[in-house]
Amino acid sequence: MSISVKTFPRLADAAGALSQERGARFLAGGTLVMRSVNEADPSIETIVRSTDPALTHIGLSSGRVELGAGVTMAAILAERELSYLHPVARIIGGPAVREAATVGGNLFAPPPYGDFAAALLALDATVTLAGGFGQRELPLDELLNRRERGQTLVASVAFRRPADGTFRFVKVTRVHPKGAAILSISAQLPLSNGRVSGARIAYGAMGPAPLRAKAAERALEGRTLDAAGIAPALAVAHDGTSPTDNAIGSAWWRREILPIHLRRLLLGEQNVRHS
């Protein structure tokens, strides 16, 4: 199998090649693409790269966070102002993988991967897409809901920095600390006068892509984060989910344990669980 590699100094040019080249795939960290190449995936004919410095830019200003799509999990862990994301980045592979795995690449990771994408979904992130005719911004959940995402080049993601103590994350795995997820849950839980106001909850490995738990969000609105207050959210925890069977866990098991771990997260218990 012959694969050509094309490198561009500008994201716009890389995006143009990605959309025009037959069988083109973008290479950032390579944790997913290179696996496919090594397995001789016949659909890959061209590897597209870019050396644009915007890909690895981390912008922190006025409560807004912008992460270039090429920012690695290791770079996230090295940034003190992103400490609320450290528990998420830390459980993505081992040290070597975290040096390569990127923010943008995680958006396209199939389940049981994509934990960082679920976290960004809970943070109400937007994505900026690069194209030959400029850039455009759209909500992350719109990108994740697309059936075909292979020809999309993400330039960056952005979100408002969460208030201290409002972002929570739990990953359920059989292998600590870097095993693939049975499921993961991310939540942003702002409070007003001690009651939830504007919650966002996202699941990983509970569907074909990370998804919002909208029924649980609505059930939490105006309630307190105690056993009685979260009960309505737990009752609708499964709404909108469509887990599948794989070697990590069955769909039945994922449904069984989801409300258990959602309860623990909402009550502020431990971040990583084994099952």
Protein backbone atom coordinates (compact mmCIF):
# COMPACT_ATOMS: atom_id res chain seq x y z
CA MET A 1 0.00 0.00 0.00
CA SER A 2 1.44 3.35 -1.05
CA ILE A 3 0.55 6.43 1.01
CA SER A 4 1.63 9.96 0.14
CA VAL A 5 2.36 12.55 2.83
CA LYS A 6 1.70 16.24 2.22
CA THR A 7 2.73 18.96 4.68
CA PHE A 8 1.41 22.54 4.58
CA PRO A 9 2.53 25.62 6.54
CA ARG A 10 -1.03 26.99 6.73
CA LEU A 11 -4.12 25.31 8.11
CA ALA A 12 -6.22 26.69 5.26
CA ASP A 13 -4.06 24.90 2.70
CA ALA A 14 -4.16 21.65 4.69
CA ALA A 15 -7.94 21.92 4.92
CA GLY A 16 -8.17 22.41 1.17
CA ALA A 17 -6.06 19.32 0.53
CA LEU A 18 -8.07 17.30 3.03
CA SER A 19 -11.30 18.08 1.20
CA GLN A 20 -9.90 17.53 -2.30
CA GLU A 21 -7.52 14.59 -1.93
CA ARG A 22 -9.05 11.16 -2.31
CA GLY A 23 -8.66 9.04 0.81
CA ALA A 24 -7.00 11.86 2.76
CA ARG A 25 -6.64 11.80 6.53
CA PHE A 26 -5.22 14.54 8.73
CA LEU A 27 -2.28 13.66 10.96
CA ALA A 28 -1.85 15.51 14.24
CA GLY A 29 -0.68 13.30 17.11
CA GLY A 30 -1.26 10.13 15.10
CA THR A 31 -2.52 7.92 17.93
CA LEU A 32 -5.53 6.87 15.83
CA VAL A 33 -4.42 7.54 12.25
CA MET A 34 -1.12 5.71 12.54
CA ARG A 35 -2.88 2.70 14.03
CA SER A 36 -5.02 2.57 10.89
CA VAL A 37 -1.96 2.99 8.68
CA ASN A 38 -0.14 0.18 10.48
CA GLU A 39 -3.19 -2.03 10.02
CA ALA A 40 -3.09 -1.28 6.26
CA ASP A 41 -6.43 0.51 6.13
CA PRO A 42 -7.10 0.67 2.36
CA SER A 43 -9.20 3.84 2.68
CA ILE A 44 -6.13 5.93 3.56
CA GLU A 45 -4.27 7.12 0.48
CA THR A 46 -2.91 10.50 1.60
CA ILE A 47 -1.70 11.83 4.94
CA VAL A 48 -2.13 15.58 5.35
CA ARG A 49 -0.10 17.53 7.93
CA SER A 50 0.28 21.17 8.90
CA THR A 51 3.05 23.04 10.70
CA ASP A 52 0.82 26.05 11.43
CA PRO A 53 1.72 27.28 14.98
CA ALA A 54 -1.96 28.02 15.62
CA LEU A 55 -2.47 24.28 16.06
CA THR A 56 -0.49 24.20 19.31
CA HIS A 57 -1.58 27.56 20.73
CA ILE A 58 -3.12 27.77 24.21
CA GLY A 59 -4.98 31.03 24.80
CA LEU A 60 -6.13 32.01 28.31
CA SER A 61 -7.74 35.43 28.66
CA SER A 62 -10.69 37.04 30.43
CA GLY A 63 -12.16 33.73 31.49
CA ARG A 64 -12.07 32.32 27.95
CA VAL A 65 -9.94 29.32 27.01
CA GLU A 66 -8.86 28.52 23.47
CA LEU A 67 -6.97 25.35 22.65
CA GLY A 68 -5.41 24.68 19.28
CA ALA A 69 -6.47 21.33 17.91
CA GLY A 70 -2.86 20.15 18.03
CA VAL A 71 -2.44 20.81 21.76
CA THR A 72 -1.46 17.54 23.42
CA MET A 73 -2.70 15.99 26.63
CA ALA A 74 0.81 16.49 28.04
CA ALA A 75 0.56 20.22 27.28
CA ILE A 76 -2.80 20.35 29.08
CA LEU A 77 -1.20 18.73 32.12
CA ALA A 78 1.66 21.24 32.06
CA GLU A 79 -0.70 24.25 32.19
CA ARG A 80 -1.62 25.15 35.78
CA GLU A 81 -4.58 27.27 34.73
CA LEU A 82 -6.17 24.19 33.17
CA SER A 83 -5.99 22.16 36.38
CA TYR A 84 -9.71 21.29 36.23
CA LEU A 85 -8.95 19.36 33.01
CA HIS A 86 -5.95 17.52 34.44
CA PRO A 87 -8.01 14.54 35.70
CA VAL A 88 -9.35 14.09 32.16
CA ALA A 89 -6.02 14.44 30.34
CA ARG A 90 -4.24 12.22 32.85
CA ILE A 91 -6.35 9.15 32.10
CA ILE A 92 -5.80 9.25 28.33
CA GLY A 93 -3.24 6.53 27.69
CA GLY A 94 0.20 6.37 29.24
CA PRO A 95 2.89 9.08 29.21
CA ALA A 96 3.99 8.34 25.63
CA VAL A 97 0.42 8.52 24.34
CA ARG A 98 -0.25 11.79 26.20
CA GLU A 99 2.79 13.35 24.51
CA ALA A 100 1.15 12.64 21.14
CA ALA A 101 -2.63 12.57 21.67
CA THR A 102 -4.25 15.88 20.75
CA VAL A 103 -7.37 17.81 21.65
CA GLY A 104 -8.57 17.75 18.04
CA GLY A 105 -7.87 14.07 17.55
CA ASN A 106 -9.89 13.13 20.62
CA LEU A 107 -12.97 14.72 19.04
CA PHE A 108 -12.89 12.00 16.39
CA ALA A 109 -12.00 9.08 18.65
CA PRO A 110 -14.65 6.34 18.54
CA PRO A 111 -16.00 4.80 21.75
CA PRO A 112 -14.70 3.58 24.16
CA TYR A 113 -12.32 6.53 23.63
CA GLY A 114 -13.17 10.25 23.44
CA ASP A 115 -13.18 11.12 27.15
CA PHE A 116 -11.68 14.57 26.52
CA ALA A 117 -14.33 15.29 23.90
CA ALA A 118 -17.04 14.50 26.47
CA ALA A 119 -15.40 16.89 28.91
CA LEU A 120 -15.37 19.66 26.30
CA LEU A 121 -19.03 18.96 25.57
CA ALA A 122 -19.87 19.50 29.24
CA LEU A 123 -17.93 22.78 29.09
CA ASP A 124 -20.20 24.00 26.26
CA ALA A 125 -17.23 24.21 23.88
CA THR A 126 -17.33 25.51 20.35
CA VAL A 127 -15.05 24.37 17.55
CA THR A 128 -13.47 26.45 14.82
CA LEU A 129 -13.23 24.62 11.51
CA ALA A 130 -10.55 25.46 8.99
CA GLY A 131 -11.37 25.60 5.30
CA GLY A 132 -9.97 26.83 2.04
CA PHE A 133 -12.33 29.82 2.19
CA GLY A 134 -11.70 30.78 5.82
CA GLN A 135 -12.83 29.57 9.21
CA ARG A 136 -16.21 29.11 10.85
CA GLU A 137 -17.34 28.33 14.36
CA LEU A 138 -20.02 25.90 15.49
CA PRO A 139 -21.07 24.18 18.72
CA LEU A 140 -19.12 21.05 19.53
CA ASP A 141 -22.24 18.93 19.84
CA GLU A 142 -23.14 19.82 16.25
CA LEU A 143 -19.78 18.49 15.07
CA LEU A 144 -20.10 15.32 17.17
CA ASN A 145 -23.57 14.64 15.76
CA ARG A 146 -22.37 14.67 12.16
CA ARG A 147 -22.45 11.26 10.53
CA GLU A 148 -19.42 12.05 8.36
CA ARG A 149 -16.58 13.91 10.06
CA GLY A 150 -13.49 12.48 8.34
CA GLN A 151 -13.01 15.40 5.94
CA THR A 152 -13.33 18.03 8.67
CA LEU A 153 -10.27 19.91 9.91
CA VAL A 154 -10.69 21.38 13.38
CA ALA A 155 -8.44 24.38 14.01
CA SER A 156 -9.28 24.97 17.68
CA VAL A 157 -11.80 24.58 20.47
CA ALA A 158 -12.91 27.29 22.88
CA PHE A 159 -15.01 27.56 26.04
CA ARG A 160 -15.60 29.75 29.07
CA ARG A 161 -13.49 28.81 32.06
CA PRO A 162 -15.75 27.11 34.62
CA ALA A 163 -16.11 28.61 38.06
CA ASP A 164 -13.94 26.92 40.67
CA GLY A 165 -15.33 23.61 41.83
CA THR A 166 -18.12 23.42 39.24
CA PHE A 167 -16.51 20.98 36.79
CA ARG A 168 -16.50 17.27 37.64
CA PHE A 169 -15.34 14.15 35.82
CA VAL A 170 -15.54 10.42 36.43
CA LYS A 171 -14.21 7.59 34.31
CA VAL A 172 -15.16 3.97 34.89
CA THR A 173 -12.48 1.56 33.69
CA ARG A 174 -11.28 -1.97 34.36
CA VAL A 175 -7.60 -1.02 34.11
CA HIS A 176 -6.23 1.84 36.22
CA PRO A 177 -5.25 4.47 35.26
CA LYS A 178 -5.25 4.32 31.47
CA GLY A 179 -7.76 1.67 30.49
CA ALA A 180 -10.42 2.35 27.89
CA ALA A 181 -13.66 3.59 29.36
CA ILE A 182 -16.62 1.44 30.22
CA LEU A 183 -18.17 4.89 30.44
CA SER A 184 -17.20 8.40 31.45
CA ILE A 185 -19.25 11.30 32.75
CA SER A 186 -18.35 14.99 32.69
CA ALA A 187 -20.43 17.71 34.27
CA GLN A 188 -20.43 21.44 34.78
CA LEU A 189 -22.64 22.26 37.74
CA PRO A 190 -23.00 25.99 38.39
CA LEU A 191 -24.87 26.94 41.55
CA SER A 192 -27.05 29.91 42.37
CA ASN A 193 -28.05 30.26 46.02
CA GLY A 194 -27.08 26.66 46.58
CA ARG A 195 -29.16 25.31 43.71
CA VAL A 196 -28.12 24.06 40.28
CA SER A 197 -28.47 26.65 37.55
CA GLY A 198 -27.57 25.73 33.96
CA ALA A 199 -26.09 22.25 34.41
CA ARG A 200 -24.37 20.51 31.50
CA ILE A 201 -23.72 16.79 31.66
CA ALA A 202 -22.01 14.70 28.98
CA TYR A 203 -21.43 10.97 28.64
CA GLY A 204 -18.63 9.11 26.91
CA ALA A 205 -19.00 5.52 25.59
CA MET A 206 -22.79 5.69 25.95
CA GLY A 207 -23.44 6.18 22.23
CA PRO A 208 -21.63 6.43 18.89
CA ALA A 209 -20.13 9.75 20.03
CA PRO A 210 -20.05 11.74 23.29
CA LEU A 211 -23.54 13.01 24.05
CA ARG A 212 -25.39 15.41 26.30
CA ALA A 213 -27.56 14.03 29.10
CA LYS A 214 -30.26 16.63 28.46
CA ALA A 215 -33.00 14.93 30.47
CA ALA A 216 -30.74 14.73 33.53
CA GLU A 217 -29.74 18.37 33.06
CA ARG A 218 -33.37 19.49 33.04
CA ALA A 219 -34.17 17.34 36.08
CA LEU A 220 -31.34 18.98 38.06
CA GLU A 221 -32.36 22.56 37.35
CA GLY A 222 -33.11 24.44 40.54
CA ARG A 223 -32.30 21.49 42.77
CA THR A 224 -29.67 20.91 45.42
CA LEU A 225 -26.73 18.53 45.01
CA ASP A 226 -27.77 16.10 47.72
CA ALA A 227 -29.40 12.68 47.64
CA ALA A 228 -32.93 14.04 47.46
CA GLY A 229 -32.08 16.79 45.00
CA ILE A 230 -30.38 14.55 42.44
CA ALA A 231 -32.94 11.73 42.54
CA PRO A 232 -34.98 13.04 39.56
CA ALA A 233 -31.82 13.25 37.43
CA LEU A 234 -30.86 9.67 38.28
CA ALA A 235 -34.31 8.48 37.25
CA VAL A 236 -33.75 9.76 33.69
CA ALA A 237 -30.01 9.09 33.50
CA HIS A 238 -30.43 6.64 30.57
CA ASP A 239 -32.56 8.91 28.39
CA GLY A 240 -30.98 9.44 24.96
CA THR A 241 -28.21 6.86 25.42
CA SER A 242 -27.45 4.03 23.01
CA PRO A 243 -24.44 2.06 24.31
CA THR A 244 -23.07 -0.92 22.42
CA ASP A 245 -21.37 -4.17 23.34
CA ASN A 246 -17.59 -4.36 23.03
CA ALA A 247 -14.64 -6.08 24.66
CA ILE A 248 -14.58 -3.47 27.45
CA GLY A 249 -18.17 -3.95 28.56
CA SER A 250 -21.66 -4.84 27.41
CA ALA A 251 -24.40 -2.35 26.67
CA TRP A 252 -26.44 -3.92 29.48
CA TRP A 253 -23.65 -3.36 32.01
CA ARG A 254 -23.14 0.24 30.91
CA ARG A 255 -26.83 0.96 31.46
CA GLU A 256 -26.77 -0.74 34.85
CA ILE A 257 -23.86 1.24 36.26
CA LEU A 258 -24.52 4.63 34.66
CA PRO A 259 -26.88 5.97 37.39
CA ILE A 260 -24.57 4.62 40.09
CA HIS A 261 -21.62 6.63 38.83
CA LEU A 262 -23.72 9.65 37.94
CA ARG A 263 -24.86 9.69 41.56
CA ARG A 264 -21.28 9.56 42.81
CA LEU A 265 -20.22 12.36 40.49
CA LEU A 266 -23.12 14.63 41.44
CA LEU A 267 -22.39 14.08 45.11
CA GLY A 268 -18.72 14.94 44.55
CA GLU A 269 -17.15 11.57 45.16
CA GLN A 270 -13.94 10.08 43.69
CA ASN A 271 -12.97 10.89 40.07
CA VAL A 272 -11.85 7.48 38.74
CA ARG A 273 -13.75 4.27 39.40
CA HIS A 274 -13.11 0.63 38.66
CA SER A 275 -15.80 -1.78 37.60
